[in-house]
């Protein structure tokens, strides 16, 4: 757990490196964008049970095949991801999804 937290904090230090980053390249901005994206996706999936079922399978092939056949739903989910896309475009250093997951794992362990 300490190794995971140390890795995550090191990644956060890269994300928060000084000077070259825009003002919104902070941990707060990252987690705010993630929360907005997660909320949008949760709302979407709550009202689209077929998409919920496809994603809940945790089978990447089934998920991919579902959204290949439902491009409109994929576009809607992409729209929900706009806060993270915007942050990614404006910040030169990024924390990966895996590093964020490691932080969550460390916090709830």
N, C-alpha and C. Protein backbone atom coordinates (compact mmCIF):
# COMPACT_ATOMS: atom_id res chain seq x y z
N UNK A 1 0.82 -1.18 0.00
CA UNK A 1 0.00 0.00 0.00
C UNK A 1 0.87 1.25 0.00
N UNK A 2 1.93 1.25 0.77
CA UNK A 2 2.81 2.42 0.81
C UNK A 2 3.46 2.63 -0.54
N UNK A 3 3.84 1.54 -1.22
CA UNK A 3 4.45 1.65 -2.54
C UNK A 3 3.46 2.27 -3.53
N UNK A 4 2.20 1.84 -3.46
CA UNK A 4 1.18 2.39 -4.35
C UNK A 4 1.00 3.88 -4.08
N UNK A 5 0.92 4.25 -2.81
CA UNK A 5 0.73 5.65 -2.46
C UNK A 5 1.94 6.48 -2.90
N UNK A 6 3.14 5.94 -2.72
CA UNK A 6 4.34 6.65 -3.13
C UNK A 6 4.36 6.84 -4.64
N UNK A 7 3.99 5.80 -5.38
CA UNK A 7 3.93 5.91 -6.83
C UNK A 7 2.92 6.97 -7.25
N UNK A 8 1.77 6.95 -6.61
CA UNK A 8 0.73 7.91 -6.94
C UNK A 8 1.17 9.32 -6.61
N UNK A 9 1.81 9.51 -5.46
CA UNK A 9 2.27 10.84 -5.10
C UNK A 9 3.36 11.33 -6.05
N UNK A 10 4.22 10.42 -6.48
CA UNK A 10 5.25 10.79 -7.46
C UNK A 10 4.60 11.21 -8.77
N UNK A 11 3.59 10.47 -9.19
CA UNK A 11 2.86 10.83 -10.41
C UNK A 11 2.18 12.18 -10.24
N UNK A 12 1.63 12.41 -9.07
CA UNK A 12 0.99 13.70 -8.81
C UNK A 12 2.00 14.82 -8.87
N UNK A 13 3.20 14.57 -8.41
CA UNK A 13 4.23 15.60 -8.48
C UNK A 13 4.54 15.95 -9.93
N UNK A 14 4.54 14.95 -10.81
CA UNK A 14 4.74 15.23 -12.23
C UNK A 14 3.59 16.07 -12.77
N UNK A 15 2.38 15.72 -12.37
CA UNK A 15 1.21 16.44 -12.85
C UNK A 15 1.23 17.88 -12.36
N UNK A 16 1.76 18.09 -11.17
CA UNK A 16 1.73 19.41 -10.56
C UNK A 16 3.04 20.18 -10.71
N UNK A 17 3.93 19.71 -11.59
CA UNK A 17 5.21 20.40 -11.76
C UNK A 17 4.99 21.87 -12.06
N UNK A 18 5.85 22.74 -11.56
CA UNK A 18 5.61 24.18 -11.64
C UNK A 18 5.79 24.78 -13.02
N UNK A 19 5.42 26.02 -13.13
CA UNK A 19 5.69 26.96 -14.21
C UNK A 19 5.08 26.60 -15.56
N UNK A 20 5.44 25.48 -16.15
CA UNK A 20 5.02 25.20 -17.52
C UNK A 20 3.53 24.89 -17.63
N UNK A 21 2.89 24.55 -16.53
CA UNK A 21 1.49 24.14 -16.56
C UNK A 21 0.55 25.32 -16.49
N UNK A 22 -0.61 25.12 -17.08
CA UNK A 22 -1.67 26.12 -16.95
C UNK A 22 -2.18 26.12 -15.51
N UNK A 23 -2.86 27.19 -15.14
CA UNK A 23 -3.35 27.31 -13.76
C UNK A 23 -4.28 26.18 -13.35
N UNK A 24 -4.97 25.55 -14.30
CA UNK A 24 -5.91 24.50 -13.94
C UNK A 24 -5.28 23.11 -13.88
N UNK A 25 -3.98 23.00 -13.99
CA UNK A 25 -3.30 21.71 -13.93
C UNK A 25 -2.94 21.38 -12.49
N UNK A 26 -3.97 21.15 -11.71
CA UNK A 26 -3.80 20.84 -10.30
C UNK A 26 -4.51 19.54 -9.99
N UNK A 27 -4.21 18.97 -8.84
CA UNK A 27 -4.91 17.77 -8.41
C UNK A 27 -6.40 18.06 -8.26
N UNK A 28 -6.73 19.24 -7.76
CA UNK A 28 -8.14 19.61 -7.62
C UNK A 28 -8.83 19.61 -8.98
N UNK A 29 -8.21 20.19 -9.98
CA UNK A 29 -8.80 20.22 -11.32
C UNK A 29 -8.96 18.81 -11.87
N UNK A 30 -7.97 17.96 -11.65
CA UNK A 30 -8.05 16.58 -12.12
C UNK A 30 -9.22 15.85 -11.48
N UNK A 31 -9.32 15.93 -10.16
CA UNK A 31 -10.39 15.20 -9.49
C UNK A 31 -11.76 15.81 -9.77
N UNK A 32 -11.82 17.12 -9.98
CA UNK A 32 -13.09 17.76 -10.36
C UNK A 32 -13.53 17.26 -11.73
N UNK A 33 -12.60 17.22 -12.67
CA UNK A 33 -12.92 16.74 -14.02
C UNK A 33 -13.35 15.28 -13.98
N UNK A 34 -12.68 14.49 -13.16
CA UNK A 34 -13.05 13.09 -13.03
C UNK A 34 -14.45 12.95 -12.44
N UNK A 35 -14.74 13.75 -11.42
CA UNK A 35 -16.06 13.68 -10.79
C UNK A 35 -17.16 14.08 -11.77
N UNK A 36 -16.91 15.12 -12.54
CA UNK A 36 -17.90 15.55 -13.53
C UNK A 36 -18.11 14.47 -14.58
N UNK A 37 -17.01 13.88 -15.04
CA UNK A 37 -17.11 12.82 -16.04
C UNK A 37 -17.82 11.60 -15.47
N UNK A 38 -17.44 11.19 -14.28
CA UNK A 38 -18.07 10.02 -13.66
C UNK A 38 -19.56 10.26 -13.44
N UNK A 39 -19.92 11.45 -13.00
CA UNK A 39 -21.33 11.76 -12.79
C UNK A 39 -22.13 11.71 -14.08
N UNK A 40 -21.55 12.27 -15.14
CA UNK A 40 -22.23 12.24 -16.44
C UNK A 40 -22.40 10.83 -16.96
N UNK A 41 -21.37 10.02 -16.82
CA UNK A 41 -21.45 8.64 -17.29
C UNK A 41 -22.43 7.85 -16.43
N UNK A 42 -22.39 8.05 -15.12
CA UNK A 42 -23.33 7.35 -14.24
C UNK A 42 -24.78 7.70 -14.59
N UNK A 43 -25.04 8.97 -14.82
CA UNK A 43 -26.39 9.38 -15.20
C UNK A 43 -26.81 8.74 -16.52
N UNK A 44 -25.90 8.72 -17.47
CA UNK A 44 -26.20 8.14 -18.78
C UNK A 44 -26.50 6.65 -18.63
N UNK A 45 -25.62 5.93 -17.96
CA UNK A 45 -25.81 4.49 -17.83
C UNK A 45 -27.07 4.15 -17.03
N UNK A 46 -27.40 5.00 -16.06
CA UNK A 46 -28.61 4.77 -15.28
C UNK A 46 -29.87 4.84 -16.12
N UNK A 47 -29.81 5.57 -17.22
CA UNK A 47 -30.98 5.70 -18.08
C UNK A 47 -30.87 4.87 -19.37
N UNK A 48 -29.80 4.11 -19.50
CA UNK A 48 -29.60 3.25 -20.67
C UNK A 48 -29.18 1.85 -20.20
N UNK A 49 -30.16 1.03 -19.79
CA UNK A 49 -29.83 -0.28 -19.21
C UNK A 49 -29.05 -1.22 -20.13
N UNK A 50 -29.24 -1.11 -21.45
CA UNK A 50 -28.47 -1.98 -22.35
C UNK A 50 -26.98 -1.64 -22.32
N UNK A 51 -26.68 -0.34 -22.30
CA UNK A 51 -25.28 0.09 -22.21
C UNK A 51 -24.71 -0.30 -20.85
N UNK A 52 -25.50 -0.13 -19.81
CA UNK A 52 -25.09 -0.55 -18.45
C UNK A 52 -24.73 -2.03 -18.44
N UNK A 53 -25.60 -2.85 -19.03
CA UNK A 53 -25.35 -4.29 -19.05
C UNK A 53 -24.08 -4.63 -19.83
N UNK A 54 -23.87 -3.95 -20.95
CA UNK A 54 -22.66 -4.23 -21.75
C UNK A 54 -21.41 -3.88 -20.97
N UNK A 55 -21.40 -2.72 -20.33
CA UNK A 55 -20.22 -2.29 -19.58
C UNK A 55 -20.01 -3.15 -18.34
N UNK A 56 -21.08 -3.60 -17.74
CA UNK A 56 -20.98 -4.41 -16.52
C UNK A 56 -20.40 -5.79 -16.77
N UNK A 57 -20.32 -6.22 -18.03
CA UNK A 57 -19.74 -7.54 -18.32
C UNK A 57 -18.25 -7.56 -18.05
N UNK A 58 -17.60 -6.41 -18.09
CA UNK A 58 -16.15 -6.29 -17.89
C UNK A 58 -15.36 -7.06 -18.94
N UNK A 59 -16.01 -7.44 -20.02
CA UNK A 59 -15.34 -8.10 -21.15
C UNK A 59 -15.08 -7.04 -22.21
N UNK A 60 -13.81 -6.65 -22.40
CA UNK A 60 -13.51 -5.59 -23.35
C UNK A 60 -14.08 -5.84 -24.74
N UNK A 61 -14.09 -7.08 -25.20
CA UNK A 61 -14.64 -7.39 -26.52
C UNK A 61 -16.13 -7.12 -26.59
N UNK A 62 -16.86 -7.52 -25.56
CA UNK A 62 -18.31 -7.29 -25.53
C UNK A 62 -18.62 -5.80 -25.45
N UNK A 63 -17.85 -5.08 -24.68
CA UNK A 63 -18.05 -3.63 -24.55
C UNK A 63 -17.80 -2.97 -25.90
N UNK A 64 -16.69 -3.30 -26.54
CA UNK A 64 -16.34 -2.73 -27.83
C UNK A 64 -17.43 -3.05 -28.86
N UNK A 65 -17.85 -4.31 -28.92
CA UNK A 65 -18.86 -4.71 -29.90
C UNK A 65 -20.19 -4.00 -29.65
N UNK A 66 -20.56 -3.82 -28.40
CA UNK A 66 -21.81 -3.12 -28.10
C UNK A 66 -21.75 -1.71 -28.67
N UNK A 67 -20.68 -0.98 -28.38
CA UNK A 67 -20.61 0.41 -28.80
C UNK A 67 -20.34 0.58 -30.30
N UNK A 68 -19.75 -0.43 -30.94
CA UNK A 68 -19.64 -0.40 -32.40
C UNK A 68 -21.05 -0.39 -33.00
N UNK A 69 -21.93 -1.15 -32.39
CA UNK A 69 -23.31 -1.21 -32.86
C UNK A 69 -24.19 -0.09 -32.36
N UNK A 70 -23.70 0.73 -31.46
CA UNK A 70 -24.48 1.82 -30.88
C UNK A 70 -23.63 3.10 -30.84
N UNK A 71 -23.30 3.58 -32.03
CA UNK A 71 -22.42 4.75 -32.14
C UNK A 71 -23.00 5.99 -31.46
N UNK A 72 -24.33 6.13 -31.47
CA UNK A 72 -24.95 7.28 -30.81
C UNK A 72 -24.70 7.26 -29.31
N UNK A 73 -24.73 6.07 -28.73
CA UNK A 73 -24.46 5.96 -27.30
C UNK A 73 -22.98 6.23 -27.01
N UNK A 74 -22.10 5.75 -27.88
CA UNK A 74 -20.68 6.03 -27.71
C UNK A 74 -20.42 7.53 -27.76
N UNK A 75 -21.08 8.20 -28.69
CA UNK A 75 -20.92 9.66 -28.81
C UNK A 75 -21.41 10.36 -27.54
N UNK A 76 -22.49 9.88 -26.96
CA UNK A 76 -23.01 10.47 -25.73
C UNK A 76 -22.02 10.29 -24.58
N UNK A 77 -21.42 9.12 -24.49
CA UNK A 77 -20.42 8.89 -23.44
C UNK A 77 -19.17 9.74 -23.67
N UNK A 78 -18.80 9.91 -24.93
CA UNK A 78 -17.66 10.78 -25.24
C UNK A 78 -17.96 12.21 -24.79
N UNK A 79 -19.21 12.64 -24.98
CA UNK A 79 -19.61 13.96 -24.52
C UNK A 79 -19.50 14.09 -23.01
N UNK A 80 -19.86 13.02 -22.30
CA UNK A 80 -19.77 13.04 -20.84
C UNK A 80 -18.31 13.14 -20.39
N UNK A 81 -17.39 12.68 -21.23
CA UNK A 81 -15.96 12.72 -20.90
C UNK A 81 -15.31 14.06 -21.22
N UNK A 82 -16.09 15.02 -21.69
CA UNK A 82 -15.55 16.32 -22.10
C UNK A 82 -14.70 17.00 -21.02
N UNK A 83 -15.10 16.98 -19.73
CA UNK A 83 -14.24 17.64 -18.73
C UNK A 83 -12.82 17.06 -18.68
N UNK A 84 -12.69 15.74 -18.78
CA UNK A 84 -11.36 15.14 -18.77
C UNK A 84 -10.61 15.44 -20.06
N UNK A 85 -11.30 15.42 -21.19
CA UNK A 85 -10.66 15.73 -22.47
C UNK A 85 -10.12 17.16 -22.46
N UNK A 86 -10.91 18.08 -21.95
CA UNK A 86 -10.49 19.48 -21.89
C UNK A 86 -9.25 19.63 -21.02
N UNK A 87 -9.26 18.98 -19.85
CA UNK A 87 -8.11 19.05 -18.96
C UNK A 87 -6.88 18.44 -19.62
N UNK A 88 -7.04 17.31 -20.28
CA UNK A 88 -5.92 16.65 -20.94
C UNK A 88 -5.30 17.55 -22.01
N UNK A 89 -6.15 18.27 -22.74
CA UNK A 89 -5.64 19.15 -23.80
C UNK A 89 -4.91 20.36 -23.23
N UNK A 90 -5.27 20.80 -22.04
CA UNK A 90 -4.68 22.02 -21.50
C UNK A 90 -3.50 21.78 -20.57
N UNK A 91 -3.26 20.54 -20.20
CA UNK A 91 -2.18 20.22 -19.26
C UNK A 91 -1.15 19.31 -19.92
N UNK A 92 0.10 19.74 -19.99
CA UNK A 92 1.12 18.94 -20.66
C UNK A 92 1.47 17.64 -19.93
N UNK A 93 1.36 17.60 -18.64
CA UNK A 93 1.64 16.38 -17.88
C UNK A 93 0.32 15.80 -17.41
N UNK A 94 0.16 14.52 -17.53
CA UNK A 94 -1.08 13.88 -17.13
C UNK A 94 -0.80 12.75 -16.15
N UNK A 95 -1.74 12.52 -15.29
CA UNK A 95 -1.72 11.36 -14.43
C UNK A 95 -2.57 10.32 -15.14
N UNK A 96 -2.07 9.11 -15.25
CA UNK A 96 -2.80 8.06 -15.96
C UNK A 96 -3.96 7.55 -15.12
N UNK A 97 -4.90 6.93 -15.79
CA UNK A 97 -6.05 6.34 -15.10
C UNK A 97 -5.58 5.29 -14.08
N UNK A 98 -4.53 4.56 -14.43
CA UNK A 98 -4.01 3.56 -13.51
C UNK A 98 -3.43 4.18 -12.24
N UNK A 99 -2.78 5.32 -12.39
CA UNK A 99 -2.24 6.00 -11.21
C UNK A 99 -3.35 6.53 -10.32
N UNK A 100 -4.41 7.04 -10.94
CA UNK A 100 -5.55 7.51 -10.15
C UNK A 100 -6.22 6.33 -9.45
N UNK A 101 -6.35 5.21 -10.14
CA UNK A 101 -6.93 4.01 -9.52
C UNK A 101 -6.07 3.56 -8.34
N UNK A 102 -4.77 3.66 -8.48
CA UNK A 102 -3.87 3.30 -7.37
C UNK A 102 -4.09 4.19 -6.17
N UNK A 103 -4.32 5.49 -6.41
CA UNK A 103 -4.60 6.40 -5.31
C UNK A 103 -5.89 5.98 -4.61
N UNK A 104 -6.92 5.72 -5.39
CA UNK A 104 -8.18 5.28 -4.77
C UNK A 104 -7.99 3.99 -3.97
N UNK A 105 -7.25 3.04 -4.55
CA UNK A 105 -6.99 1.79 -3.83
C UNK A 105 -6.26 2.04 -2.51
N UNK A 106 -5.28 2.93 -2.54
CA UNK A 106 -4.51 3.24 -1.33
C UNK A 106 -5.40 3.91 -0.29
N UNK A 107 -6.31 4.76 -0.74
CA UNK A 107 -7.17 5.48 0.20
C UNK A 107 -8.22 4.59 0.85
N UNK A 108 -8.69 3.58 0.15
CA UNK A 108 -9.76 2.74 0.69
C UNK A 108 -9.26 1.42 1.26
N UNK A 109 -7.97 1.19 1.21
CA UNK A 109 -7.42 -0.07 1.75
C UNK A 109 -7.29 0.00 3.25
